[in-house]
C-alpha cells in the first residue's frame, strides 16, 4: 500500500510513512504473535551432586580457616600469659 500523502510505498504492518510520517492504514500481518516456548533445562542428578560437593568443600574451608585463626589467637594469648 502507498502513503496517502506522499505516495511512498509502505511496508506491510507499518502504521506511519517512513518518508513523511503520515498515518498509513496497512493491514497488520496475520498469524500468531508469540515466541517459541521451550522448557527450562532440568537439573540432572550429576549437577546436584557436584553442587553439593562444592558447597561442602566451601563450608569445610571456612571451618578450617576459622580453626587456624582461632588456634593462632589462642596460642598468642597463651604465650603472653606465660
Protein backbone atom coordinates (compact mmCIF):
# COMPACT_ATOMS: atom_id res chain seq x y z
CA UNK A 1 0.00 0.00 0.00
CA UNK A 2 1.20 3.53 -0.72
CA UNK A 3 1.21 6.54 1.62
CA UNK A 4 -1.88 8.71 1.01
CA UNK A 5 0.12 11.92 1.48
CA UNK A 6 3.43 11.41 -0.40
CA UNK A 7 2.89 8.19 -2.37
CA UNK A 8 5.89 6.37 -0.78
CA UNK A 9 5.49 2.58 -0.71
CA UNK A 10 4.76 1.41 2.83
CA UNK A 11 5.87 -1.92 4.26
CA UNK A 12 3.09 -4.25 5.46
CA UNK A 13 2.30 -3.79 9.15
CA UNK A 14 3.63 -0.22 9.42
CA UNK A 15 1.38 2.47 10.88
CA UNK A 16 3.26 5.56 9.69
CA UNK A 17 5.05 6.54 6.49
CA UNK A 18 8.85 6.46 6.75
CA UNK A 19 9.12 9.45 4.35
CA UNK A 20 6.57 11.98 5.66
CA UNK A 21 5.21 10.46 8.90
CA UNK A 22 1.58 10.33 7.76
CA UNK A 23 -0.63 7.57 9.12
CA UNK A 24 -0.79 4.60 6.77
CA UNK A 25 -3.64 2.15 7.20
CA UNK A 26 -1.92 -1.03 6.12
CA UNK A 27 -3.30 -4.28 7.45
CA UNK A 28 -1.14 -6.00 10.04
CA UNK A 29 0.22 -9.40 9.06
CA UNK A 30 -1.99 -12.24 10.19
CA UNK A 31 -0.60 -15.06 12.29
CA UNK A 32 0.42 -15.85 15.82
CA UNK A 33 2.30 -13.18 17.76
CA UNK A 34 4.05 -15.32 20.34
CA UNK A 35 7.56 -16.55 20.80
CA UNK A 36 8.57 -20.17 20.64
CA UNK A 37 8.39 -21.60 24.15
CA UNK A 38 10.98 -24.02 25.41
CA UNK A 39 11.05 -25.51 28.91
CA UNK A 40 13.92 -24.60 31.17
CA UNK A 41 16.55 -27.31 31.45
CA UNK A 42 16.02 -29.65 34.36
CA UNK A 43 18.95 -30.06 36.71
CA UNK A 44 20.40 -33.51 36.34
CA UNK A 45 21.46 -35.65 39.25
CA UNK A 46 25.16 -35.23 38.44
CA UNK A 47 24.85 -31.44 38.61
CA UNK A 48 23.20 -31.65 42.03
CA UNK A 49 25.95 -33.87 43.37
CA UNK A 50 28.64 -31.54 42.07
CA UNK A 51 26.91 -28.54 43.64
CA UNK A 52 26.56 -30.32 47.00
CA UNK A 53 30.22 -31.30 46.90
CA UNK A 54 31.26 -27.73 46.12
CA UNK A 55 29.13 -26.31 48.96
CA UNK A 56 30.54 -28.92 51.36
CA UNK A 57 34.10 -28.05 50.38
CA UNK A 58 33.42 -24.34 50.85
CA UNK A 59 31.96 -24.91 54.31
CA UNK A 60 34.92 -27.10 55.22
CA UNK A 61 37.36 -24.44 54.05
CA UNK A 62 35.63 -21.77 56.16
CA UNK A 63 35.64 -24.01 59.23
CA UNK A 64 39.33 -24.82 58.71
CA UNK A 65 40.20 -21.13 58.30
CA UNK A 66 38.32 -20.27 61.49
CA UNK A 67 40.12 -23.07 63.37
CA UNK A 68 43.53 -21.83 62.19
CA UNK A 69 42.75 -18.22 63.12
CA UNK A 70 41.28 -19.28 66.47
CA UNK A 71 44.24 -21.54 67.21
CA UNK A 72 46.70 -18.79 66.37
CA UNK A 73 44.81 -16.36 68.62
CA UNK A 74 44.75 -18.88 71.46
CA UNK A 75 48.45 -19.60 71.06
CA UNK A 76 49.24 -15.88 71.04
CA UNK A 77 47.15 -15.40 74.19
CA UNK A 78 48.86 -18.30 75.98
CA UNK A 79 52.34 -17.03 75.07
CA UNK A 80 51.50 -13.61 76.50
CA UNK A 81 50.34 -15.23 79.76
CA UNK A 82 53.39 -17.44 80.11
